[in-house]
Amino acid sequence: MNVLVYMVPLAIGLGLTGLFAFLWALRSGQYNDVDGAALRVLSDDDIEK
């Protein structure tokens, strides 16, 4: 049971760290162009004629 004293705050701290990292990524514009990478795969820019 003494392990819970260490593990519960550690789990909460890691969860909050992940949440803050996700919110930072949203605010910095990391998810603005979600369709761009999917469409770039389909382009034939590297094929020489």
N, C-alpha and C. Protein backbone atom coordinates (compact mmCIF):
# COMPACT_ATOMS: atom_id res chain seq x y z
N MET A 1 0.81 -1.20 0.00
CA MET A 1 0.00 0.00 0.00
C MET A 1 0.85 1.26 0.00
N ASN A 2 2.08 1.17 0.49
CA ASN A 2 2.94 2.35 0.48
C ASN A 2 3.33 2.76 -0.94
N VAL A 3 3.27 1.81 -1.85
CA VAL A 3 3.61 2.12 -3.23
C VAL A 3 2.60 3.08 -3.84
N LEU A 4 1.35 2.99 -3.41
CA LEU A 4 0.31 3.89 -3.93
C LEU A 4 0.59 5.35 -3.60
N VAL A 5 1.27 5.58 -2.50
CA VAL A 5 1.60 6.95 -2.11
C VAL A 5 2.52 7.59 -3.16
N TYR A 6 3.33 6.77 -3.81
CA TYR A 6 4.24 7.28 -4.83
C TYR A 6 3.65 7.20 -6.24
N MET A 7 2.92 6.14 -6.50
CA MET A 7 2.46 5.89 -7.86
C MET A 7 1.28 6.78 -8.28
N VAL A 8 0.37 7.06 -7.39
CA VAL A 8 -0.80 7.89 -7.74
C VAL A 8 -0.38 9.31 -8.08
N PRO A 9 0.44 9.99 -7.28
CA PRO A 9 0.88 11.34 -7.70
C PRO A 9 1.73 11.31 -8.97
N LEU A 10 2.52 10.26 -9.14
CA LEU A 10 3.32 10.14 -10.36
C LEU A 10 2.43 9.98 -11.58
N ALA A 11 1.39 9.16 -11.48
CA ALA A 11 0.46 8.98 -12.59
C ALA A 11 -0.30 10.27 -12.90
N ILE A 12 -0.71 10.97 -11.88
CA ILE A 12 -1.41 12.25 -12.09
C ILE A 12 -0.46 13.27 -12.72
N GLY A 13 0.77 13.31 -12.26
CA GLY A 13 1.75 14.23 -12.83
C GLY A 13 2.05 13.93 -14.29
N LEU A 14 2.20 12.65 -14.63
CA LEU A 14 2.45 12.30 -16.03
C LEU A 14 1.23 12.59 -16.90
N GLY A 15 0.05 12.36 -16.37
CA GLY A 15 -1.16 12.69 -17.13
C GLY A 15 -1.29 14.18 -17.38
N LEU A 16 -1.00 14.99 -16.38
CA LEU A 16 -1.05 16.44 -16.56
C LEU A 16 0.02 16.93 -17.52
N THR A 17 1.19 16.31 -17.47
CA THR A 17 2.26 16.67 -18.42
C THR A 17 1.83 16.38 -19.85
N GLY A 18 1.20 15.22 -20.07
CA GLY A 18 0.71 14.89 -21.40
C GLY A 18 -0.39 15.83 -21.85
N LEU A 19 -1.26 16.20 -20.95
CA LEU A 19 -2.33 17.14 -21.28
C LEU A 19 -1.78 18.51 -21.65
N PHE A 20 -0.82 18.99 -20.88
CA PHE A 20 -0.22 20.29 -21.19
C PHE A 20 0.55 20.26 -22.50
N ALA A 21 1.21 19.13 -22.81
CA ALA A 21 1.92 19.01 -24.08
C ALA A 21 0.93 19.02 -25.25
N PHE A 22 -0.21 18.35 -25.09
CA PHE A 22 -1.23 18.34 -26.13
C PHE A 22 -1.82 19.74 -26.33
N LEU A 23 -2.11 20.43 -25.24
CA LEU A 23 -2.66 21.79 -25.36
C LEU A 23 -1.65 22.73 -25.99
N TRP A 24 -0.37 22.57 -25.68
CA TRP A 24 0.67 23.39 -26.29
C TRP A 24 0.73 23.13 -27.80
N ALA A 25 0.62 21.85 -28.19
CA ALA A 25 0.65 21.52 -29.61
C ALA A 25 -0.56 22.10 -30.34
N LEU A 26 -1.71 22.11 -29.70
CA LEU A 26 -2.88 22.73 -30.32
C LEU A 26 -2.69 24.22 -30.51
N ARG A 27 -2.17 24.89 -29.51
CA ARG A 27 -2.00 26.35 -29.59
C ARG A 27 -0.90 26.76 -30.55
N SER A 28 0.11 25.90 -30.73
CA SER A 28 1.21 26.28 -31.62
C SER A 28 0.94 25.92 -33.08
N GLY A 29 -0.22 25.32 -33.36
CA GLY A 29 -0.60 25.08 -34.74
C GLY A 29 -0.11 23.76 -35.30
N GLN A 30 0.19 22.79 -34.50
CA GLN A 30 0.69 21.51 -34.99
C GLN A 30 -0.38 20.72 -35.74
N TYR A 31 -1.64 20.98 -35.47
CA TYR A 31 -2.73 20.21 -36.07
C TYR A 31 -3.53 21.01 -37.09
N ASN A 32 -2.96 22.07 -37.63
CA ASN A 32 -3.70 22.90 -38.57
C ASN A 32 -3.92 22.23 -39.91
N ASP A 33 -2.94 21.52 -40.43
CA ASP A 33 -3.02 20.93 -41.77
C ASP A 33 -3.03 19.41 -41.66
N VAL A 34 -4.17 18.85 -41.25
CA VAL A 34 -4.23 17.40 -41.07
C VAL A 34 -4.42 16.67 -42.39
N ASP A 35 -4.95 17.32 -43.43
CA ASP A 35 -5.16 16.67 -44.71
C ASP A 35 -3.97 16.81 -45.65
N GLY A 36 -3.07 17.70 -45.35
CA GLY A 36 -1.93 17.95 -46.24
C GLY A 36 -1.03 16.75 -46.40
N ALA A 37 -0.69 16.07 -45.33
CA ALA A 37 0.20 14.91 -45.41
C ALA A 37 -0.48 13.76 -46.14
N ALA A 38 -1.77 13.60 -45.95
CA ALA A 38 -2.48 12.52 -46.63
C ALA A 38 -2.53 12.76 -48.14
N LEU A 39 -2.63 14.01 -48.55
CA LEU A 39 -2.70 14.31 -49.98
C LEU A 39 -1.31 14.33 -50.62
N ARG A 40 -0.28 14.65 -49.86
CA ARG A 40 1.08 14.65 -50.41
C ARG A 40 1.53 13.24 -50.78
N VAL A 41 1.00 12.24 -50.12
CA VAL A 41 1.37 10.86 -50.44
C VAL A 41 0.90 10.50 -51.85
N LEU A 42 -0.21 11.06 -52.26
CA LEU A 42 -0.79 10.72 -53.55
C LEU A 42 -0.18 11.48 -54.72
N SER A 43 0.61 12.51 -54.48
CA SER A 43 1.17 13.29 -55.57
C SER A 43 2.33 12.54 -56.22
N ASP A 44 2.50 12.77 -57.52
CA ASP A 44 3.54 12.10 -58.30
C ASP A 44 4.67 13.07 -58.63
N ASP A 45 5.16 13.82 -57.70
CA ASP A 45 6.19 14.82 -57.97
C ASP A 45 7.54 14.19 -58.26
N ASP A 46 7.81 13.00 -57.75
CA ASP A 46 9.13 12.40 -57.91
C ASP A 46 9.27 11.54 -59.16
N ILE A 47 8.23 11.38 -59.95
CA ILE A 47 8.28 10.57 -61.16
C ILE A 47 8.75 11.44 -62.32
N GLU A 48 9.84 11.00 -62.98
CA GLU A 48 10.36 11.74 -64.14
C GLU A 48 9.71 11.21 -65.42
N LYS A 49 9.44 12.12 -66.32
CA LYS A 49 8.80 11.71 -67.59
C LYS A 49 9.82 11.43 -68.64
